[in-house]
Amino acid sequence: MPYLFTSESVSEGHPDKIADQISDALLDNFLAFDSNSKVACETLVTTGQVVLAGEVKSGTYLDVQTIAREVINKIGYTKGEYQFSGDSCGVISLIHEQSQDINQGVDRTTKEEQGAGDQGMMFGYATKETENYMPLALDISHKILQVLAELRREGNTITYLRPDAKAQVTIEYSDDNVPQRIDTIVVSTQHDDFDEDEAMLAKIKTDIIETLIPRVKSQLPSTIQQLFDDDITYHINPTGKFVIGGPHGDAGLTGRKIVVDTYGGKGAHGGGAFSGKDPSKVDRSAAYAARHAAKNLVAAGVADELLVQVSYAIGVVEPTSIFVDSYGTSKVGLSDGEIAKKVATLFDMKPYAIENRLKLRNPIYSETAAYGHFGKVPKTVTKVFESPYNGRIEKEVELFTWEKLDKVEEVKTAFGL
């Protein structure tokens, strides 16, 4: 019997995502001026206020207030009527030095012997149902909000949009797990005030269905476009008026959108957040490494769908386990346990090896902090960082290295494909 599966995404102007983006901007600036920085930055945003907290060990000093304000303004919170603006909000820093008790378990005389920054389990997932090996419902949800942000910034087609928004997509699957059609799309977007609520709701619904959705469809492969039919159920701003939003409507915290950041409820999640954490924290780096492994295995033809779990003990170099679930889609005549053993030989999951392989001690994290950490296109960019204490530097960095299909041939050889 066909079944339904749903995933959601939130915009860069959602309060929790504002917090994530500030935390990752601070991390990038610390790493830009001192690549050995140990950072765990948390952010709280609420009406007119930003609170920065956490632990840092670094050889550099930053104007954290200015960095936070720049992120807020870039997102689009620049007007007083939003009750939250980069130019006028208060920014309180409670950041202090990292605990030596934690640091002693991570740092080693030999970098290769670096211990894991915490215990826990991390997951990576990949599926063949999209070109970027991401779950379809989440991929479309991200794209809806990315296009909505484009329209907001253009400001000439839909003129009333404000930064806060959420999207949700429900896909109908066949018994053999193949997407058949899009069943439901939910979009809630913050907007300027209207004179008449009924006219406002009608206008927003028309603009979303007739302007936004066609642009989203045009960016998708033809096979996915065919899943959009005339029977989709749309819920557009279903609660009605959405003028009060952003941090004035709800407080935002770093790390509170971990399912949006990963696979939209597909696969699994170990519970650890990403943003604001340097790569010695395996919550982040090992989740990236597990995605890298899962994506390359699926791309190589090992399975149509694959979950990789890796786990650690704090201060210990070697992972405590590596687990694989192919959901019965394996193409290589091996058990999932046998596949896991090969994964352990193909992908070195020691913390320093991950940092080195994926080039994670670079300022590459701001780009991950909205619209998901996975499924994006790897690319090399030049980033500029300026500081009243450290001057100006330019750094060429590789973004989304964990999305590279650079191990496919090696995987094929190992599995005889």
Protein backbone atom coordinates (compact mmCIF):
# COMPACT_ATOMS: atom_id res chain seq x y z
CA MET A 1 0.00 0.00 0.00
CA PRO A 2 1.41 3.46 -0.87
CA TYR A 3 2.62 5.55 2.06
CA LEU A 4 3.39 9.20 2.82
CA PHE A 5 6.62 10.70 4.16
CA THR A 6 7.16 14.32 5.22
CA SER A 7 10.17 16.57 5.80
CA GLU A 8 10.43 20.24 6.69
CA SER A 9 12.93 23.06 6.35
CA VAL A 10 13.22 26.55 7.83
CA SER A 11 14.54 29.76 6.30
CA GLU A 12 17.72 31.62 7.12
CA GLY A 13 15.51 34.15 8.95
CA HIS A 14 14.04 31.56 11.32
CA PRO A 15 15.17 32.37 14.89
CA ASP A 16 17.01 29.08 15.39
CA LYS A 17 18.79 29.49 12.07
CA ILE A 18 19.83 33.04 12.92
CA ALA A 19 21.48 31.58 16.01
CA ASP A 20 23.19 28.85 13.96
CA GLN A 21 24.51 31.37 11.44
CA ILE A 22 25.93 33.65 14.14
CA SER A 23 27.63 30.69 15.85
CA ASP A 24 29.19 29.50 12.60
CA ALA A 25 30.29 33.03 11.64
CA LEU A 26 32.14 33.28 14.95
CA LEU A 27 33.69 29.85 14.32
CA ASP A 28 34.82 30.87 10.82
CA ASN A 29 36.45 34.03 12.11
CA PHE A 30 38.29 32.15 14.86
CA LEU A 31 39.54 29.55 12.35
CA ALA A 32 40.49 32.20 9.78
CA PHE A 33 42.89 33.88 12.18
CA ASP A 34 43.93 30.76 14.14
CA SER A 35 43.23 27.42 12.46
CA ASN A 36 43.95 25.56 15.72
CA SER A 37 41.13 27.30 17.59
CA LYS A 38 38.90 25.13 19.75
CA VAL A 39 35.41 26.59 19.61
CA ALA A 40 32.00 25.74 21.02
CA CYS A 41 29.84 28.85 20.50
CA GLU A 42 26.17 28.99 21.43
CA THR A 43 23.81 31.82 20.50
CA LEU A 44 20.43 32.94 21.86
CA VAL A 45 18.32 35.48 19.96
CA THR A 46 15.14 37.13 21.21
CA THR A 47 13.38 40.49 20.91
CA GLY A 48 16.12 43.07 20.40
CA GLN A 49 18.81 40.91 22.02
CA VAL A 50 21.58 38.47 21.16
CA VAL A 51 23.43 36.46 23.82
CA LEU A 52 26.70 34.71 22.90
CA ALA A 53 27.98 31.95 25.17
CA GLY A 54 30.27 28.97 25.10
CA GLU A 55 33.92 28.00 25.34
CA VAL A 56 36.85 29.03 23.15
CA LYS A 57 40.58 28.34 23.19
CA SER A 58 42.25 30.48 20.53
CA GLY A 59 45.30 32.58 19.83
CA THR A 60 43.14 35.33 18.33
CA TYR A 61 40.65 37.87 19.66
CA LEU A 62 37.49 38.89 17.82
CA ASP A 63 34.97 41.72 17.85
CA VAL A 64 32.15 39.22 18.32
CA GLN A 65 29.47 41.89 18.58
CA THR A 66 30.23 43.27 15.12
CA ILE A 67 30.32 39.77 13.59
CA ALA A 68 26.89 38.99 15.05
CA ARG A 69 25.41 42.25 13.76
CA GLU A 70 26.79 41.66 10.27
CA VAL A 71 25.16 38.22 10.12
CA ILE A 72 21.79 39.60 11.23
CA ASN A 73 21.88 42.39 8.64
CA LYS A 74 22.92 39.99 5.88
CA ILE A 75 19.94 37.76 6.63
CA GLY A 76 17.65 40.76 6.22
CA TYR A 77 16.75 41.97 9.70
CA THR A 78 17.43 45.62 9.01
CA LYS A 79 14.15 47.36 9.92
CA GLY A 80 12.90 48.62 13.26
CA GLU A 81 9.40 47.26 12.70
CA TYR A 82 10.81 43.71 12.84
CA GLN A 83 11.65 44.36 16.54
CA PHE A 84 15.04 42.82 15.76
CA SER A 85 17.73 44.55 13.73
CA GLY A 86 21.46 44.07 13.34
CA ASP A 87 22.06 47.78 13.80
CA SER A 88 20.05 48.23 16.98
CA CYS A 89 19.92 44.93 18.88
CA GLY A 90 21.92 44.41 22.05
CA VAL A 91 24.76 41.86 21.85
CA ILE A 92 26.02 40.32 25.10
CA SER A 93 29.10 38.06 25.07
CA LEU A 94 29.49 35.46 27.81
CA ILE A 95 32.13 33.41 25.94
CA HIS A 96 34.91 32.05 28.14
CA GLU A 97 37.93 29.76 27.85
CA GLN A 98 37.54 26.05 27.15
CA SER A 99 37.76 23.68 30.10
CA GLN A 100 41.25 22.23 30.47
CA ASP A 101 39.65 18.95 31.57
CA ILE A 102 38.08 18.60 28.10
CA ASN A 103 41.11 19.91 26.22
CA GLN A 104 43.50 17.38 27.77
CA GLY A 105 41.42 14.56 26.30
CA VAL A 106 41.59 15.97 22.79
CA ASP A 107 45.06 17.48 22.25
CA ARG A 108 48.02 15.15 21.81
CA THR A 109 51.72 15.70 21.14
CA THR A 110 51.21 13.85 17.85
CA LYS A 111 48.25 15.26 15.89
CA GLU A 112 47.41 11.86 14.46
CA GLU A 113 46.66 10.66 18.00
CA GLN A 114 44.10 13.41 18.64
CA GLY A 115 41.24 12.04 20.74
CA ALA A 116 37.54 12.52 20.05
CA GLY A 117 36.15 15.74 21.55
CA ASP A 118 33.17 13.89 23.04
CA GLN A 119 31.45 10.56 23.23
CA GLY A 120 28.42 9.83 21.07
CA MET A 121 27.21 8.41 17.79
CA MET A 122 26.96 10.16 14.44
CA PHE A 123 25.15 9.16 11.27
CA GLY A 124 25.58 9.70 7.55
CA TYR A 125 22.91 8.86 4.98
CA ALA A 126 22.55 8.78 1.20
CA THR A 127 19.84 7.71 -1.23
CA LYS A 128 19.62 7.46 -5.01
CA GLU A 129 16.21 9.15 -5.14
CA THR A 130 17.78 12.56 -5.98
CA GLU A 131 20.81 13.65 -8.00
CA ASN A 132 22.52 14.95 -4.85
CA TYR A 133 21.78 11.72 -2.95
CA MET A 134 19.47 13.49 -0.49
CA PRO A 135 15.94 12.57 0.63
CA LEU A 136 13.47 14.12 -1.81
CA ALA A 137 11.02 15.73 0.63
CA LEU A 138 13.82 17.58 2.44
CA ASP A 139 15.54 18.60 -0.81
CA ILE A 140 12.36 20.21 -2.14
CA SER A 141 11.65 21.86 1.23
CA HIS A 142 15.11 23.47 1.18
CA LYS A 143 14.65 24.66 -2.41
CA ILE A 144 11.26 26.23 -1.66
CA LEU A 145 12.82 28.40 1.04
CA GLN A 146 15.94 29.22 -0.96
CA VAL A 147 13.76 30.48 -3.82
CA LEU A 148 11.54 32.36 -1.35
CA ALA A 149 14.67 34.14 -0.05
CA GLU A 150 15.68 34.96 -3.64
CA LEU A 151 12.28 36.52 -4.27
CA ARG A 152 12.48 38.47 -1.00
CA ARG A 153 15.88 39.92 -1.92
CA GLU A 154 14.80 40.73 -5.48
CA GLY A 155 11.85 42.63 -4.03
CA ASN A 156 10.11 43.27 -7.34
CA THR A 157 7.85 40.23 -7.82
CA ILE A 158 6.72 39.58 -4.27
CA THR A 159 7.31 42.79 -2.34
CA TYR A 160 5.96 42.06 1.16
CA LEU A 161 8.16 39.16 2.31
CA ARG A 162 9.99 39.22 5.63
CA PRO A 163 12.88 36.87 6.55
CA ASP A 164 11.18 34.23 8.74
CA ALA A 165 9.64 31.22 6.95
CA LYS A 166 9.06 27.46 7.07
CA ALA A 167 8.25 24.87 4.42
CA GLN A 168 7.09 21.26 4.56
CA VAL A 169 6.71 18.70 1.78
CA THR A 170 4.87 15.35 1.87
CA ILE A 171 5.77 12.74 -0.75
CA GLU A 172 3.64 9.73 -1.71
CA TYR A 173 5.75 6.58 -2.17
CA SER A 174 4.91 3.25 -3.79
CA ASP A 175 5.29 -0.06 -1.94
CA ASP A 176 8.78 -0.41 -3.41
CA ASN A 177 9.82 3.00 -2.01
CA VAL A 178 9.71 4.98 -5.26
CA PRO A 179 8.34 8.57 -5.13
CA GLN A 180 5.02 8.78 -7.01
CA ARG A 181 3.79 12.32 -6.47
CA ILE A 182 3.87 15.30 -4.14
CA ASP A 183 0.87 15.05 -1.87
CA THR A 184 1.09 18.22 0.26
CA ILE A 185 3.13 21.43 0.40
CA VAL A 186 3.04 23.73 3.43
CA VAL A 187 4.58 27.22 3.32
CA SER A 188 4.39 29.73 6.15
CA THR A 189 6.08 33.04 5.45
CA GLN A 190 6.42 36.17 7.51
CA HIS A 191 5.10 39.25 5.70
CA ASP A 192 4.46 42.97 5.98
CA ASP A 193 1.15 44.08 7.45
CA PHE A 194 -1.84 44.33 5.09
CA ASP A 195 -4.94 46.49 5.41
CA GLU A 196 -7.28 43.51 5.01
CA ASP A 197 -6.44 40.05 6.34
CA GLU A 198 -8.61 38.15 3.86
CA ALA A 199 -7.11 39.92 0.85
CA MET A 200 -3.64 39.37 2.33
CA LEU A 201 -4.10 35.61 2.64
CA ALA A 202 -5.47 35.32 -0.90
CA LYS A 203 -2.57 37.35 -2.30
CA ILE A 204 0.07 35.30 -0.47
CA LYS A 205 -1.47 31.98 -1.54
CA THR A 206 -1.63 33.08 -5.18
CA ASP A 207 1.97 34.31 -5.17
CA ILE A 208 3.30 31.12 -3.57
CA ILE A 209 1.46 28.77 -5.94
CA GLU A 210 1.80 30.80 -9.17
CA THR A 211 5.21 32.48 -8.70
CA LEU A 212 7.27 30.57 -6.15
CA ILE A 213 6.41 26.95 -7.00
CA PRO A 214 6.99 27.30 -10.79
CA ARG A 215 10.44 28.76 -10.11
CA VAL A 216 11.22 25.88 -7.73
CA LYS A 217 10.08 23.35 -10.33
CA SER A 218 12.28 24.92 -12.99
CA GLN A 219 15.35 24.21 -10.85
CA LEU A 220 14.52 20.51 -10.47
CA PRO A 221 15.25 17.61 -12.86
CA SER A 222 12.43 16.65 -15.21
CA THR A 223 11.86 13.39 -13.33
CA ILE A 224 11.11 15.36 -10.16
CA GLN A 225 9.06 18.01 -11.97
CA GLN A 226 6.67 15.24 -13.00
CA LEU A 227 5.78 14.67 -9.35
CA PHE A 228 4.06 18.08 -9.22
CA ASP A 229 0.44 17.56 -10.32
CA ASP A 230 -2.84 19.45 -10.03
CA ASP A 231 -3.93 17.46 -6.98
CA ILE A 232 -1.31 18.81 -4.55
CA THR A 233 -2.84 20.08 -1.32
CA TYR A 234 -1.42 23.50 -0.42
CA HIS A 235 -1.47 25.00 3.07
CA ILE A 236 -0.19 28.57 2.76
CA ASN A 237 0.12 30.51 6.03
CA PRO A 238 -2.52 28.20 7.50
CA THR A 239 -2.73 30.09 10.81
CA GLY A 240 -3.48 33.32 8.94
CA LYS A 241 -1.57 36.52 9.69
CA PHE A 242 2.23 36.14 10.15
CA VAL A 243 3.55 39.69 10.65
CA ILE A 244 5.27 39.11 13.99
CA GLY A 245 8.09 36.64 13.41
CA GLY A 246 11.81 36.14 13.73
CA PRO A 247 13.32 36.51 17.21
CA HIS A 248 10.46 38.84 18.22
CA GLY A 249 7.96 36.02 17.61
CA ASP A 250 10.04 33.18 19.06
CA ALA A 251 13.42 32.94 20.77
CA GLY A 252 16.08 31.16 18.75
CA LEU A 253 18.88 28.86 19.90
CA THR A 254 21.89 27.28 18.24
CA GLY A 255 21.46 23.59 17.44
CA ARG A 256 17.68 23.36 17.64
CA LYS A 257 17.13 22.37 13.99
CA ILE A 258 19.30 19.27 13.80
CA VAL A 259 16.88 17.26 11.63
CA VAL A 260 16.53 20.14 9.16
CA ASP A 261 20.34 20.30 9.11
CA THR A 262 20.68 16.61 8.21
CA TYR A 263 18.18 14.31 6.45
CA GLY A 264 14.70 15.51 7.30
CA GLY A 265 13.84 12.47 9.39
CA LYS A 266 15.24 9.88 6.97
CA GLY A 267 18.14 7.74 8.13
CA ALA A 268 18.93 8.55 11.76
CA HIS A 269 20.42 11.25 13.98
CA GLY A 270 22.79 10.86 16.92
CA GLY A 271 21.47 13.98 18.67
CA GLY A 272 24.50 16.25 18.42
CA ALA A 273 24.20 19.69 16.82
CA PHE A 274 26.75 21.11 14.37
CA SER A 275 26.88 24.91 14.30
CA GLY A 276 29.45 26.74 16.39
CA LYS A 277 31.62 23.63 16.87
CA ASP A 278 35.16 23.28 15.53
CA PRO A 279 36.03 19.94 13.87
CA SER A 280 37.61 18.42 16.99
CA LYS A 281 33.99 17.96 18.04
CA VAL A 282 33.06 14.67 16.37
CA ASP A 283 29.37 15.64 16.61
CA ARG A 284 30.16 17.66 13.52
CA SER A 285 33.24 16.21 11.83
CA ALA A 286 32.23 12.55 12.12
CA ALA A 287 28.71 13.31 10.84
CA TYR A 288 30.35 14.90 7.79
CA ALA A 289 32.68 11.90 7.39
CA ALA A 290 29.77 9.46 7.68
CA ARG A 291 27.86 11.36 4.97
CA HIS A 292 30.98 11.32 2.76
CA ALA A 293 31.21 7.55 3.17
CA ALA A 294 27.50 6.89 2.62
CA LYS A 295 27.34 9.10 -0.48
CA ASN A 296 30.38 7.54 -2.12
CA LEU A 297 29.12 4.02 -1.36
CA VAL A 298 25.71 4.71 -2.91
CA ALA A 299 27.26 6.52 -5.90
CA ALA A 300 29.54 3.54 -6.46
CA GLY A 301 26.56 1.19 -6.58
CA VAL A 302 27.04 -0.63 -3.28
CA ALA A 303 23.39 0.05 -2.38
CA ASP A 304 20.49 2.27 -3.40
CA GLU A 305 20.14 3.63 0.13
CA LEU A 306 22.67 3.52 2.94
CA LEU A 307 23.10 4.61 6.55
CA VAL A 308 26.53 4.76 8.19
CA GLN A 309 26.92 5.11 11.96
CA VAL A 310 30.21 5.85 13.71
CA SER A 311 30.64 6.20 17.48
CA TYR A 312 33.34 7.50 19.84
CA ALA A 313 34.51 7.70 23.44
CA ILE A 314 35.81 11.10 24.58
CA GLY A 315 39.59 11.34 24.36
CA VAL A 316 39.91 8.00 22.48
CA VAL A 317 41.44 7.99 18.99
CA GLU A 318 39.77 5.00 17.35
CA PRO A 319 35.98 4.92 16.90
CA THR A 320 34.20 2.48 19.17
CA SER A 321 32.06 1.15 16.31
CA ILE A 322 31.14 1.50 12.64
CA PHE A 323 27.69 0.29 11.58
CA VAL A 324 25.99 0.10 8.17
CA ASP A 325 22.32 -0.35 7.24
CA SER A 326 21.59 -0.83 3.54
CA TYR A 327 17.81 -1.18 4.10
CA GLY A 328 17.83 -4.36 2.03
CA THR A 329 19.08 -2.50 -1.07
CA SER A 330 22.64 -3.91 -1.14
CA LYS A 331 23.94 -4.83 -4.61
CA VAL A 332 27.18 -6.52 -3.57
CA GLY A 333 26.13 -9.85 -2.03
CA LEU A 334 27.53 -8.95 1.37
CA SER A 335 25.88 -8.56 4.75
CA ASP A 336 25.67 -5.08 6.25
CA GLY A 337 28.28 -6.17 8.81
CA GLU A 338 30.66 -7.16 6.02
CA ILE A 339 30.06 -3.85 4.27
CA ALA A 340 30.82 -2.03 7.56
CA LYS A 341 34.19 -3.81 7.82
CA LYS A 342 35.13 -2.59 4.35
CA VAL A 343 33.97 0.93 5.24
CA ALA A 344 36.39 0.89 8.18
CA THR A 345 39.30 0.16 5.83
CA LEU A 346 38.23 2.63 3.13
CA PHE A 347 37.42 5.61 5.36
CA ASP A 348 39.76 6.43 8.26
CA MET A 349 37.39 7.64 11.00
CA LYS A 350 40.00 8.82 13.51
CA PRO A 351 39.27 12.48 14.40
CA TYR A 352 42.48 13.97 12.97
CA ALA A 353 42.23 11.84 9.82
CA ILE A 354 38.72 13.22 9.23
CA GLU A 355 39.88 16.81 9.79
CA ASN A 356 42.75 16.32 7.38
CA ARG A 357 40.87 14.39 4.68
CA LEU A 358 37.94 16.81 4.55
CA LYS A 359 40.03 19.97 5.16
CA LEU A 360 37.90 20.93 8.13
CA ARG A 361 40.32 23.32 9.88
CA ASN A 362 39.32 26.07 7.46
CA PRO A 363 36.65 28.80 7.73
CA ILE A 364 34.04 26.87 5.74
CA TYR A 365 31.10 26.72 8.11
CA SER A 366 28.93 29.82 7.55
CA GLU A 367 27.73 28.30 4.28
CA THR A 368 26.45 25.23 6.13
CA ALA A 369 24.31 27.07 8.66
CA ALA A 370 21.13 27.46 6.56
CA TYR A 371 19.31 25.10 4.17
CA GLY A 372 21.13 22.00 5.36
CA HIS A 373 24.69 20.80 5.79
CA PHE A 374 24.34 18.10 3.13
CA GLY A 375 23.42 17.89 -0.54
CA LYS A 376 25.17 21.11 -1.59
CA VAL A 377 27.70 21.44 -4.42
CA PRO A 378 31.40 21.32 -3.45
CA LYS A 379 33.31 24.37 -4.66
CA THR A 380 36.40 26.47 -4.03
CA VAL A 381 35.91 30.11 -3.02
CA THR A 382 37.97 33.00 -1.70
CA LYS A 383 36.72 34.40 1.60
CA VAL A 384 37.74 37.71 3.19
CA PHE A 385 37.95 38.26 6.94
CA GLU A 386 38.57 41.60 8.63
CA SER A 387 39.28 42.29 12.28
CA PRO A 388 40.29 45.42 14.21
CA TYR A 389 42.74 43.19 16.11
CA ASN A 390 44.07 40.96 13.31
CA GLY A 391 43.79 43.00 10.11
CA ARG A 392 42.46 41.67 6.83
CA ILE A 393 43.13 38.28 5.29
CA GLU A 394 41.94 36.38 2.24
CA LYS A 395 41.69 32.61 2.31
CA GLU A 396 40.92 30.21 -0.52
CA VAL A 397 38.89 27.33 0.89
CA GLU A 398 36.97 24.30 -0.32
CA LEU A 399 33.31 24.21 0.72
CA PHE A 400 31.35 20.99 1.30
CA THR A 401 34.30 18.63 0.83
CA TRP A 402 32.20 15.83 2.36
CA GLU A 403 29.94 16.02 -0.70
CA LYS A 404 32.75 15.15 -3.11
CA LEU A 405 32.50 11.83 -4.95
CA ASP A 406 36.25 11.35 -4.75
CA LYS A 407 36.24 7.81 -3.35
CA VAL A 408 33.88 6.17 -5.84
CA GLU A 409 36.55 4.37 -7.86
CA GLU A 410 38.28 3.14 -4.72
CA VAL A 411 34.95 1.87 -3.38
CA LYS A 412 34.17 0.09 -6.67
CA THR A 413 37.55 -1.62 -6.59
CA ALA A 414 37.10 -2.71 -2.97
CA PHE A 415 33.67 -4.18 -3.69
CA GLY A 416 34.49 -5.58 -7.13
CA LEU A 417 32.03 -3.31 -8.92
